[in-house]
Amino acid sequence: MDDNWNLLARHRPPPPAPPEPLTTERIDAGYRLYWTKTALTWDNERRALMADRVAAVIAGPDFENNALERRFRVDGLDDLAHSGASLLALAEVLRALDAFDAEAE
């Protein structure tokens, strides 16, 4: 019995590597990717409306560029609260899409 156990133990795959820790860069990249995919489904009118509303939240006195804590809501965006970093990424994406559209014209 011990011989079989030893044989199985030698052929056991190594344990998986632990996940890489979240970094600010990884969090921001994930937010930008999410918001790019989302904003590409919006028409120009919705993008402009959301850009204005996000800018108002970002300019608010209680706004904080926090990475993960979902504390900020944007009227008309969705029913969720978002982190400060997420809203900053959304603002960046909306500016980039607006610039892209302006270049295309």
PDB file of N, CA and C in Angstrom:
ATOM      1  N   MET A   1       0.818  -1.185   0.000  1.00  0.00           N
ATOM      2  CA  MET A   1       0.000   0.000   0.000  1.00  0.00           C
ATOM      3  C   MET A   1       0.866   1.254   0.000  1.00  0.00           C
ATOM      4  N   ASP A   2       1.912   1.269   0.822  1.00  0.00           N
ATOM      5  CA  ASP A   2       2.798   2.427   0.874  1.00  0.00           C
ATOM      6  C   ASP A   2       3.475   2.673  -0.469  1.00  0.00           C
ATOM      7  N   ASP A   3       3.823   1.590  -1.187  1.00  0.00           N
ATOM      8  CA  ASP A   3       4.455   1.753  -2.500  1.00  0.00           C
ATOM      9  C   ASP A   3       3.520   2.449  -3.476  1.00  0.00           C
ATOM     10  N   ASN A   4       2.251   2.073  -3.458  1.00  0.00           N
ATOM     11  CA  ASN A   4       1.275   2.722  -4.344  1.00  0.00           C
ATOM     12  C   ASN A   4       1.113   4.198  -3.980  1.00  0.00           C
ATOM     13  N   TRP A   5       1.044   4.481  -2.706  1.00  0.00           N
ATOM     14  CA  TRP A   5       0.892   5.860  -2.261  1.00  0.00           C
ATOM     15  C   TRP A   5       2.093   6.704  -2.693  1.00  0.00           C
ATOM     16  N   ASN A   6       3.287   6.173  -2.536  1.00  0.00           N
ATOM     17  CA  ASN A   6       4.500   6.886  -2.947  1.00  0.00           C
ATOM     18  C   ASN A   6       4.515   7.116  -4.448  1.00  0.00           C
ATOM     19  N   LEU A   7       4.061   6.130  -5.210  1.00  0.00           N
ATOM     20  CA  LEU A   7       4.007   6.258  -6.661  1.00  0.00           C
ATOM     21  C   LEU A   7       3.036   7.376  -7.064  1.00  0.00           C
ATOM     22  N   LEU A   8       1.875   7.403  -6.433  1.00  0.00           N
ATOM     23  CA  LEU A   8       0.900   8.449  -6.727  1.00  0.00           C
ATOM     24  C   LEU A   8       1.421   9.826  -6.305  1.00  0.00           C
ATOM     25  N   ALA A   9       2.077   9.884  -5.164  1.00  0.00           N
ATOM     26  CA  ALA A   9       2.579  11.158  -4.658  1.00  0.00           C
ATOM     27  C   ALA A   9       3.635  11.743  -5.592  1.00  0.00           C
ATOM     28  N   ARG A  10       4.443  10.909  -6.238  1.00  0.00           N
ATOM     29  CA  ARG A  10       5.477  11.389  -7.142  1.00  0.00           C
ATOM     30  C   ARG A  10       4.895  11.955  -8.428  1.00  0.00           C
ATOM     31  N   HIS A  11       3.714  11.516  -8.810  1.00  0.00           N
ATOM     32  CA  HIS A  11       3.103  11.960 -10.066  1.00  0.00           C
ATOM     33  C   HIS A  11       2.014  13.017  -9.852  1.00  0.00           C
ATOM     34  N   ARG A  12       1.903  13.477  -8.667  1.00  0.00           N
ATOM     35  CA  ARG A  12       0.922  14.521  -8.359  1.00  0.00           C
ATOM     36  C   ARG A  12       1.413  15.836  -8.972  1.00  0.00           C
ATOM     37  N   PRO A  13       0.530  16.575  -9.613  1.00  0.00           N
ATOM     38  CA  PRO A  13       0.969  17.853 -10.188  1.00  0.00           C
ATOM     39  C   PRO A  13       1.361  18.829  -9.087  1.00  0.00           C
ATOM     40  N   PRO A  14       2.256  19.752  -9.405  1.00  0.00           N
ATOM     41  CA  PRO A  14       2.659  20.730  -8.384  1.00  0.00           C
ATOM     42  C   PRO A  14       1.473  21.626  -8.030  1.00  0.00           C
ATOM     43  N   PRO A  15       1.489  22.166  -6.841  1.00  0.00           N
ATOM     44  CA  PRO A  15       0.389  23.065  -6.460  1.00  0.00           C
ATOM     45  C   PRO A  15       0.403  24.302  -7.361  1.00  0.00           C
ATOM     46  N   PRO A  16      -0.773  24.874  -7.619  1.00  0.00           N
ATOM     47  CA  PRO A  16      -0.812  26.057  -8.482  1.00  0.00           C
ATOM     48  C   PRO A  16      -0.102  27.239  -7.826  1.00  0.00           C
ATOM     49  N   ALA A  17       0.439  28.091  -8.652  1.00  0.00           N
ATOM     50  CA  ALA A  17       1.106  29.289  -8.150  1.00  0.00           C
ATOM     51  C   ALA A  17       0.046  30.222  -7.560  1.00  0.00           C
ATOM     52  N   PRO A  18       0.395  30.932  -6.508  1.00  0.00           N
ATOM     53  CA  PRO A  18      -0.578  31.870  -5.938  1.00  0.00           C
ATOM     54  C   PRO A  18      -0.866  32.986  -6.943  1.00  0.00           C
ATOM     55  N   PRO A  19      -2.061  33.555  -6.891  1.00  0.00           N
ATOM     56  CA  PRO A  19      -2.384  34.633  -7.830  1.00  0.00           C
ATOM     57  C   PRO A  19      -1.495  35.846  -7.585  1.00  0.00           C
ATOM     58  N   GLU A  20      -1.255  36.585  -8.657  1.00  0.00           N
ATOM     59  CA  GLU A  20      -0.461  37.810  -8.510  1.00  0.00           C
ATOM     60  C   GLU A  20      -1.294  38.845  -7.767  1.00  0.00           C
ATOM     61  N   PRO A  21      -0.660  39.621  -6.922  1.00  0.00           N
ATOM     62  CA  PRO A  21      -1.415  40.624  -6.160  1.00  0.00           C
ATOM     63  C   PRO A  21      -1.963  41.715  -7.084  1.00  0.00           C
ATOM     64  N   LEU A  22      -3.082  42.286  -6.680  1.00  0.00           N
ATOM     65  CA  LEU A  22      -3.637  43.403  -7.432  1.00  0.00           C
ATOM     66  C   LEU A  22      -2.720  44.610  -7.269  1.00  0.00           C
ATOM     67  N   THR A  23      -2.436  45.256  -8.369  1.00  0.00           N
ATOM     68  CA  THR A  23      -1.669  46.493  -8.338  1.00  0.00           C
ATOM     69  C   THR A  23      -2.551  47.596  -8.910  1.00  0.00           C
ATOM     70  N   THR A  24      -2.169  48.804  -8.667  1.00  0.00           N
ATOM     71  CA  THR A  24      -2.917  49.941  -9.202  1.00  0.00           C
ATOM     72  C   THR A  24      -3.005  49.856 -10.720  1.00  0.00           C
ATOM     73  N   GLU A  25      -1.918  49.468 -11.350  1.00  0.00           N
ATOM     74  CA  GLU A  25      -1.893  49.367 -12.814  1.00  0.00           C
ATOM     75  C   GLU A  25      -2.868  48.303 -13.315  1.00  0.00           C
ATOM     76  N   ARG A  26      -2.912  47.174 -12.655  1.00  0.00           N
ATOM     77  CA  ARG A  26      -3.828  46.099 -13.069  1.00  0.00           C
ATOM     78  C   ARG A  26      -5.283  46.493 -12.841  1.00  0.00           C
ATOM     79  N   ILE A  27      -5.553  47.142 -11.736  1.00  0.00           N
ATOM     80  CA  ILE A  27      -6.908  47.588 -11.437  1.00  0.00           C
ATOM     81  C   ILE A  27      -7.356  48.610 -12.481  1.00  0.00           C
ATOM     82  N   ASP A  28      -6.506  49.608 -12.752  1.00  0.00           N
ATOM     83  CA  ASP A  28      -6.851  50.638 -13.732  1.00  0.00           C
ATOM     84  C   ASP A  28      -7.047  50.045 -15.124  1.00  0.00           C
ATOM     85  N   ALA A  29      -6.196  49.124 -15.505  1.00  0.00           N
ATOM     86  CA  ALA A  29      -6.337  48.487 -16.824  1.00  0.00           C
ATOM     87  C   ALA A  29      -7.651  47.721 -16.922  1.00  0.00           C
ATOM     88  N   GLY A  30      -8.020  47.037 -15.856  1.00  0.00           N
ATOM     89  CA  GLY A  30      -9.285  46.310 -15.852  1.00  0.00           C
ATOM     90  C   GLY A  30     -10.478  47.245 -15.976  1.00  0.00           C
ATOM     91  N   TYR A  31     -10.437  48.366 -15.257  1.00  0.00           N
ATOM     92  CA  TYR A  31     -11.516  49.344 -15.365  1.00  0.00           C
ATOM     93  C   TYR A  31     -11.588  49.928 -16.771  1.00  0.00           C
ATOM     94  N   ARG A  32     -10.432  50.289 -17.343  1.00  0.00           N
ATOM     95  CA  ARG A  32     -10.438  50.866 -18.689  1.00  0.00           C
ATOM     96  C   ARG A  32     -10.989  49.881 -19.716  1.00  0.00           C
ATOM     97  N   LEU A  33     -10.609  48.626 -19.592  1.00  0.00           N
ATOM     98  CA  LEU A  33     -11.116  47.607 -20.519  1.00  0.00           C
ATOM     99  C   LEU A  33     -12.626  47.457 -20.375  1.00  0.00           C
ATOM    100  N   TYR A  34     -13.108  47.354 -19.151  1.00  0.00           N
ATOM    101  CA  TYR A  34     -14.545  47.215 -18.914  1.00  0.00           C
ATOM    102  C   TYR A  34     -15.312  48.401 -19.497  1.00  0.00           C
ATOM    103  N   TRP A  35     -14.847  49.623 -19.180  1.00  0.00           N
ATOM    104  CA  TRP A  35     -15.583  50.800 -19.634  1.00  0.00           C
ATOM    105  C   TRP A  35     -15.476  51.001 -21.137  1.00  0.00           C
ATOM    106  N   THR A  36     -14.380  50.605 -21.739  1.00  0.00           N
ATOM    107  CA  THR A  36     -14.271  50.697 -23.196  1.00  0.00           C
ATOM    108  C   THR A  36     -15.301  49.789 -23.848  1.00  0.00           C
ATOM    109  N   LYS A  37     -15.376  48.557 -23.382  1.00  0.00           N
ATOM    110  CA  LYS A  37     -16.361  47.620 -23.943  1.00  0.00           C
ATOM    111  C   LYS A  37     -17.778  48.137 -23.734  1.00  0.00           C
ATOM    112  N   THR A  38     -18.045  48.725 -22.587  1.00  0.00           N
ATOM    113  CA  THR A  38     -19.386  49.231 -22.291  1.00  0.00           C
ATOM    114  C   THR A  38     -19.706  50.470 -23.128  1.00  0.00           C
ATOM    115  N   ALA A  39     -18.806  51.436 -23.137  1.00  0.00           N
ATOM    116  CA  ALA A  39     -19.070  52.709 -23.823  1.00  0.00           C
ATOM    117  C   ALA A  39     -19.169  52.543 -25.342  1.00  0.00           C
ATOM    118  N   LEU A  40     -18.529  51.534 -25.882  1.00  0.00           N
ATOM    119  CA  LEU A  40     -18.633  51.292 -27.326  1.00  0.00           C
ATOM    120  C   LEU A  40     -20.051  50.889 -27.735  1.00  0.00           C
ATOM    121  N   THR A  41     -20.855  50.448 -26.785  1.00  0.00           N
ATOM    122  CA  THR A  41     -22.239  50.082 -27.091  1.00  0.00           C
ATOM    123  C   THR A  41     -23.172  51.287 -27.017  1.00  0.00           C
ATOM    124  N   TRP A  42     -22.676  52.422 -26.508  1.00  0.00           N
ATOM    125  CA  TRP A  42     -23.492  53.620 -26.359  1.00  0.00           C
ATOM    126  C   TRP A  42     -23.420  54.483 -27.610  1.00  0.00           C
ATOM    127  N   ASP A  43     -24.490  55.220 -27.870  1.00  0.00           N
ATOM    128  CA  ASP A  43     -24.430  56.203 -28.962  1.00  0.00           C
ATOM    129  C   ASP A  43     -23.736  57.471 -28.432  1.00  0.00           C
ATOM    130  N   ASN A  44     -23.449  58.406 -29.348  1.00  0.00           N
ATOM    131  CA  ASN A  44     -22.715  59.622 -28.972  1.00  0.00           C
ATOM    132  C   ASN A  44     -23.464  60.456 -27.945  1.00  0.00           C
ATOM    133  N   GLU A  45     -24.781  60.472 -28.027  1.00  0.00           N
ATOM    134  CA  GLU A  45     -25.578  61.247 -27.076  1.00  0.00           C
ATOM    135  C   GLU A  45     -25.421  60.696 -25.658  1.00  0.00           C
ATOM    136  N   ARG A  46     -25.488  59.384 -25.518  1.00  0.00           N
ATOM    137  CA  ARG A  46     -25.328  58.774 -24.184  1.00  0.00           C
ATOM    138  C   ARG A  46     -23.910  58.975 -23.673  1.00  0.00           C
ATOM    139  N   ARG A  47     -22.927  58.867 -24.548  1.00  0.00           N
ATOM    140  CA  ARG A  47     -21.538  59.092 -24.120  1.00  0.00           C
ATOM    141  C   ARG A  47     -21.368  60.503 -23.579  1.00  0.00           C
ATOM    142  N   ALA A  48     -21.917  61.485 -24.287  1.00  0.00           N
ATOM    143  CA  ALA A  48     -21.796  62.879 -23.848  1.00  0.00           C
ATOM    144  C   ALA A  48     -22.513  63.094 -22.515  1.00  0.00           C
ATOM    145  N   LEU A  49     -23.692  62.523 -22.379  1.00  0.00           N
ATOM    146  CA  LEU A  49     -24.450  62.647 -21.133  1.00  0.00           C
ATOM    147  C   LEU A  49     -23.678  62.023 -19.972  1.00  0.00           C
ATOM    148  N   MET A  50     -23.156  60.824 -20.175  1.00  0.00           N
ATOM    149  CA  MET A  50     -22.414  60.149 -19.107  1.00  0.00           C
ATOM    150  C   MET A  50     -21.120  60.889 -18.790  1.00  0.00           C
ATOM    151  N   ALA A  51     -20.468  61.453 -19.808  1.00  0.00           N
ATOM    152  CA  ALA A  51     -19.243  62.221 -19.565  1.00  0.00           C
ATOM    153  C   ALA A  51     -19.531  63.401 -18.651  1.00  0.00           C
ATOM    154  N   ASP A  52     -20.631  64.103 -18.903  1.00  0.00           N
ATOM    155  CA  ASP A  52     -21.000  65.244 -18.058  1.00  0.00           C
ATOM    156  C   ASP A  52     -21.320  64.800 -16.635  1.00  0.00           C
ATOM    157  N   ARG A  53     -22.074  63.735 -16.516  1.00  0.00           N
ATOM    158  CA  ARG A  53     -22.480  63.278 -15.177  1.00  0.00           C
ATOM    159  C   ARG A  53     -21.299  62.709 -14.385  1.00  0.00           C
ATOM    160  N   VAL A  54     -20.428  61.988 -15.062  1.00  0.00           N
ATOM    161  CA  VAL A  54     -19.231  61.460 -14.385  1.00  0.00           C
ATOM    162  C   VAL A  54     -18.340  62.620 -13.948  1.00  0.00           C
ATOM    163  N   ALA A  55     -18.178  63.615 -14.814  1.00  0.00           N
ATOM    164  CA  ALA A  55     -17.356  64.782 -14.466  1.00  0.00           C
ATOM    165  C   ALA A  55     -17.904  65.483 -13.233  1.00  0.00           C
ATOM    166  N   ALA A  56     -19.226  65.566 -13.121  1.00  0.00           N
ATOM    167  CA  ALA A  56     -19.828  66.203 -11.946  1.00  0.00           C
ATOM    168  C   ALA A  56     -19.527  65.418 -10.677  1.00  0.00           C
ATOM    169  N   VAL A  57     -19.585  64.098 -10.750  1.00  0.00           N
ATOM    170  CA  VAL A  57     -19.282  63.269  -9.565  1.00  0.00           C
ATOM    171  C   VAL A  57     -17.807  63.415  -9.192  1.00  0.00           C
ATOM    172  N   ILE A  58     -16.943  63.394 -10.197  1.00  0.00           N
ATOM    173  CA  ILE A  58     -15.500  63.501  -9.948  1.00  0.00           C
ATOM    174  C   ILE A  58     -15.153  64.855  -9.330  1.00  0.00           C
ATOM    175  N   ALA A  59     -15.865  65.890  -9.736  1.00  0.00           N
ATOM    176  CA  ALA A  59     -15.604  67.236  -9.216  1.00  0.00           C
ATOM    177  C   ALA A  59     -16.210  67.464  -7.831  1.00  0.00           C
ATOM    178  N   GLY A  60     -16.998  66.526  -7.348  1.00  0.00           N
ATOM    179  CA  GLY A  60     -17.654  66.673  -6.055  1.00  0.00           C
ATOM    180  C   GLY A  60     -16.670  66.708  -4.897  1.00  0.00           C
ATOM    181  N   PRO A  61     -17.065  67.339  -3.809  1.00  0.00           N
ATOM    182  CA  PRO A  61     -16.164  67.503  -2.663  1.00  0.00           C
ATOM    183  C   PRO A  61     -15.823  66.188  -1.950  1.00  0.00           C
ATOM    184  N   ASP A  62     -16.668  65.189  -2.068  1.00  0.00           N
ATOM    185  CA  ASP A  62     -16.427  63.917  -1.385  1.00  0.00           C
ATOM    186  C   ASP A  62     -15.725  62.888  -2.258  1.00  0.00           C
ATOM    187  N   PHE A  63     -15.411  63.255  -3.511  1.00  0.00           N
ATOM    188  CA  PHE A  63     -14.810  62.283  -4.421  1.00  0.00           C
ATOM    189  C   PHE A  63     -13.391  61.936  -3.972  1.00  0.00           C
ATOM    190  N   GLU A  64     -13.082  60.665  -4.109  1.00  0.00           N
ATOM    191  CA  GLU A  64     -11.751  60.153  -3.764  1.00  0.00           C
ATOM    192  C   GLU A  64     -11.362  59.090  -4.788  1.00  0.00           C
ATOM    193  N   ASN A  65     -10.130  59.127  -5.231  1.00  0.00           N
ATOM    194  CA  ASN A  65      -9.626  58.137  -6.175  1.00  0.00           C
ATOM    195  C   ASN A  65      -9.255  56.871  -5.404  1.00  0.00           C
ATOM    196  N   ASN A  66     -10.276  56.137  -5.000  1.00  0.00           N
ATOM    197  CA  ASN A  66     -10.045  54.880  -4.289  1.00  0.00           C
ATOM    198  C   ASN A  66     -10.134  53.731  -5.295  1.00  0.00           C
ATOM    199  N   ALA A  67      -9.366  52.694  -5.078  1.00  0.00           N
ATOM    200  CA  ALA A  67      -9.249  51.631  -6.071  1.00  0.00           C
ATOM    201  C   ALA A  67     -10.439  50.685  -6.105  1.00  0.00           C
ATOM    202  N   LEU A  68     -10.932  50.260  -4.980  1.00  0.00           N
ATOM    203  CA  LEU A  68     -11.911  49.179  -4.980  1.00  0.00           C
ATOM    204  C   LEU A  68     -13.215  49.479  -4.250  1.00  0.00           C
ATOM    205  N   GLU A  69     -13.224  50.379  -3.317  1.00  0.00           N
ATOM    206  CA  GLU A  69     -14.435  50.625  -2.530  1.00  0.00           C
ATOM    207  C   GLU A  69     -15.472  51.356  -3.379  1.00  0.00           C
ATOM    208  N   ARG A  70     -16.618  50.735  -3.539  1.00  0.00           N
ATOM    209  CA  ARG A  70     -17.678  51.278  -4.407  1.00  0.00           C
ATOM    210  C   ARG A  70     -18.555  52.236  -3.609  1.00  0.00           C
ATOM    211  N   ARG A  71     -18.280  53.528  -3.771  1.00  0.00           N
ATOM    212  CA  ARG A  71     -18.997  54.528  -2.990  1.00  0.00           C
ATOM    213  C   ARG A  71     -19.727  55.560  -3.823  1.00  0.00           C
ATOM    214  N   PHE A  72     -19.487  55.609  -5.120  1.00  0.00           N
ATOM    215  CA  PHE A  72     -19.987  56.711  -5.929  1.00  0.00           C
ATOM    216  C   PHE A  72     -20.985  56.225  -6.978  1.00  0.00           C
ATOM    217  N   ARG A  73     -22.095  56.933  -7.040  1.00  0.00           N
ATOM    218  CA  ARG A  73     -23.138  56.607  -8.014  1.00  0.00           C
ATOM    219  C   ARG A  73     -23.231  57.736  -9.031  1.00  0.00           C
ATOM    220  N   VAL A  74     -23.522  57.347 -10.261  1.00  0.00           N
ATOM    221  CA  VAL A  74     -23.717  58.312 -11.341  1.00  0.00           C
ATOM    222  C   VAL A  74     -25.134  58.123 -11.854  1.00  0.00           C
ATOM    223  N   ASP A  75     -25.925  59.174 -11.773  1.00  0.00           N
ATOM    224  CA  ASP A  75     -27.313  59.122 -12.199  1.00  0.00           C
ATOM    225  C   ASP A  75     -27.402  58.705 -13.670  1.00  0.00           C
ATOM    226  N   GLY A  76     -28.179  57.653 -13.925  1.00  0.00           N
ATOM    227  CA  GLY A  76     -28.399  57.190 -15.286  1.00  0.00           C
ATOM    228  C   GLY A  76     -27.362  56.222 -15.815  1.00  0.00           C
ATOM    229  N   LEU A  77     -26.280  56.013 -15.084  1.00  0.00           N
ATOM    230  CA  LEU A  77     -25.244  55.093 -15.562  1.00  0.00           C
ATOM    231  C   LEU A  77     -25.702  53.658 -15.395  1.00  0.00           C
ATOM    232  N   ASP A  78     -25.977  53.276 -14.191  1.00  0.00           N
ATOM    233  CA  ASP A  78     -26.504  51.946 -13.855  1.00  0.00           C
ATOM    234  C   ASP A  78     -26.977  52.009 -12.404  1.00  0.00           C
ATOM    235  N   ASP A  79     -27.356  50.905 -11.870  1.00  0.00           N
ATOM    236  CA  ASP A  79     -27.857  50.879 -10.489  1.00  0.00           C
ATOM    237  C   ASP A  79     -26.764  50.565  -9.475  1.00  0.00           C
ATOM    238  N   LEU A  80     -25.511  50.616  -9.890  1.00  0.00           N
ATOM    239  CA  LEU A  80     -24.403  50.224  -9.032  1.00  0.00           C
ATOM    240  C   LEU A  80     -23.628  51.428  -8.526  1.00  0.00           C
ATOM    241  N   ALA A  81     -22.931  51.227  -7.443  1.00  0.00           N
ATOM    242  CA  ALA A  81     -21.956  52.204  -6.975  1.00  0.00           C
ATOM    243  C   ALA A  81     -20.601  51.805  -7.562  1.00  0.00           C
ATOM    244  N   HIS A  82     -19.750  52.793  -7.761  1.00  0.00           N
ATOM    245  CA  HIS A  82     -18.452  52.552  -8.390  1.00  0.00           C
ATOM    246  C   HIS A  82     -17.340  53.166  -7.542  1.00  0.00           C
ATOM    247  N   SER A  83     -16.155  52.640  -7.705  1.00  0.00           N
ATOM    248  CA  SER A  83     -14.998  53.214  -7.023  1.00  0.00           C
ATOM    249  C   SER A  83     -14.572  54.485  -7.759  1.00  0.00           C
ATOM    250  N   GLY A  84     -13.791  55.300  -7.074  1.00  0.00           N
ATOM    251  CA  GLY A  84     -13.269  56.503  -7.706  1.00  0.00           C
ATOM    252  C   GLY A  84     -12.401  56.173  -8.906  1.00  0.00           C
ATOM    253  N   ALA A  85     -11.562  55.159  -8.791  1.00  0.00           N
ATOM    254  CA  ALA A  85     -10.691  54.769  -9.897  1.00  0.00           C
ATOM    255  C   ALA A  85     -11.508  54.308 -11.107  1.00  0.00           C
ATOM    256  N   SER A  86     -12.607  53.639 -10.853  1.00  0.00           N
ATOM    257  CA  SER A  86     -13.464  53.187 -11.943  1.00  0.00           C
ATOM    258  C   SER A  86     -14.061  54.379 -12.686  1.00  0.00           C
ATOM    259  N   LEU A  87     -14.523  55.375 -11.955  1.00  0.00           N
ATOM    260  CA  LEU A  87     -15.108  56.545 -12.605  1.00  0.00           C
ATOM    261  C   LEU A  87     -14.053  57.372 -13.336  1.00  0.00           C
ATOM    262  N   LEU A  88     -12.850  57.455 -12.787  1.00  0.00           N
ATOM    263  CA  LEU A  88     -11.776  58.143 -13.500  1.00  0.00           C
ATOM    264  C   LEU A  88     -11.438  57.413 -14.803  1.00  0.00           C
ATOM    265  N   ALA A  89     -11.461  56.084 -14.763  1.00  0.00           N
ATOM    266  CA  ALA A  89     -11.210  55.304 -15.971  1.00  0.00           C
ATOM    267  C   ALA A  89     -12.326  55.531 -16.993  1.00  0.00           C
ATOM    268  N   LEU A  90     -13.573  55.590 -16.532  1.00  0.00           N
ATOM    269  CA  LEU A  90     -14.689  55.855 -17.434  1.00  0.00           C
ATOM    270  C   LEU A  90     -14.536  57.225 -18.075  1.00  0.00           C
ATOM    271  N   ALA A  91     -14.189  58.224 -17.305  1.00  0.00           N
ATOM    272  CA  ALA A  91     -13.984  59.564 -17.859  1.00  0.00           C
ATOM    273  C   ALA A  91     -12.884  59.554 -18.908  1.00  0.00           C
ATOM    274  N   GLU A  92     -11.802  58.851 -18.638  1.00  0.00           N
ATOM    275  CA  GLU A  92     -10.690  58.744 -19.582  1.00  0.00           C
ATOM    276  C   GLU A  92     -11.134  58.063 -20.873  1.00  0.00           C
ATOM    277  N   VAL A  93     -11.881  56.988 -20.740  1.00  0.00           N
ATOM    278  CA  VAL A  93     -12.370  56.256 -21.916  1.00  0.00           C
ATOM    279  C   VAL A  93     -13.299  57.145 -22.742  1.00  0.00           C
ATOM    280  N   LEU A  94     -14.189  57.854 -22.092  1.00  0.00           N
ATOM    281  CA  LEU A  94     -15.119  58.715 -22.824  1.00  0.00           C
ATOM    282  C   LEU A  94     -14.391  59.846 -23.546  1.00  0.00           C
ATOM    283  N   ARG A  95     -13.355  60.407 -22.924  1.00  0.00           N
ATOM    284  CA  ARG A  95     -12.549  61.435 -23.599  1.00  0.00           C
ATOM    285  C   ARG A  95     -11.827  60.844 -24.807  1.00  0.00           C
ATOM    286  N   ALA A  96     -11.289  59.647 -24.652  1.00  0.00           N
ATOM    287  CA  ALA A  96     -10.567  59.004 -25.753  1.00  0.00           C
ATOM    288  C   ALA A  96     -11.505  58.679 -26.918  1.00  0.00           C
ATOM    289  N   LEU A  97     -12.688  58.189 -26.615  1.00  0.00           N
ATOM    290  CA  LEU A  97     -13.648  57.883 -27.681  1.00  0.00           C
ATOM    291  C   LEU A  97     -14.110  59.156 -28.377  1.00  0.00           C
ATOM    292  N   ASP A  98     -14.292  60.225 -27.621  1.00  0.00           N
ATOM    293  CA  ASP A  98     -14.679  61.499 -28.207  1.00  0.00           C
ATOM    294  C   ASP A  98     -13.566  62.007 -29.142  1.00  0.00           C
ATOM    295  N   ALA A  99     -12.324  61.916 -28.702  1.00  0.00           N
ATOM    296  CA  ALA A  99     -11.195  62.333 -29.535  1.00  0.00           C
ATOM    297  C   ALA A  99     -11.087  61.474 -30.788  1.00  0.00           C
ATOM    298  N   PHE A 100     -11.309  60.187 -30.633  1.00  0.00           N
ATOM    299  CA  PHE A 100     -11.265  59.275 -31.790  1.00  0.00           C
ATOM    300  C   PHE A 100     -12.340  59.639 -32.793  1.00  0.00           C
ATOM    301  N   ASP A 101     -13.552  59.886 -32.300  1.00  0.00           N
ATOM    302  CA  ASP A 101     -14.645  60.261 -33.193  1.00  0.00           C
ATOM    303  C   ASP A 101     -14.357  61.594 -33.895  1.00  0.00           C
ATOM    304  N   ALA A 102     -13.761  62.534 -33.180  1.00  0.00           N
ATOM    305  CA  ALA A 102     -13.441  63.837 -33.777  1.00  0.00           C
ATOM    306  C   ALA A 102     -12.390  63.691 -34.879  1.00  0.00           C
ATOM    307  N   GLU A 103     -11.427  62.806 -34.678  1.00  0.00           N
ATOM    308  CA  GLU A 103     -10.404  62.560 -35.708  1.00  0.00           C
ATOM    309  C   GLU A 103     -10.982  61.887 -36.936  1.00  0.00           C
ATOM    310  N   ALA A 104     -11.962  61.042 -36.722  1.00  0.00           N
ATOM    311  CA  ALA A 104     -12.557  60.292 -37.828  1.00  0.00           C
ATOM    312  C   ALA A 104     -13.378  61.184 -38.741  1.00  0.00           C
ATOM    313  N   GLU A 105     -13.845  62.316 -38.223  1.00  0.00           N
ATOM    314  CA  GLU A 105     -14.696  63.203 -39.029  1.00  0.00           C
ATOM    315  C   GLU A 105     -13.920  64.032 -39.985  1.00  0.00           C
TER     316      GLU A 105
END
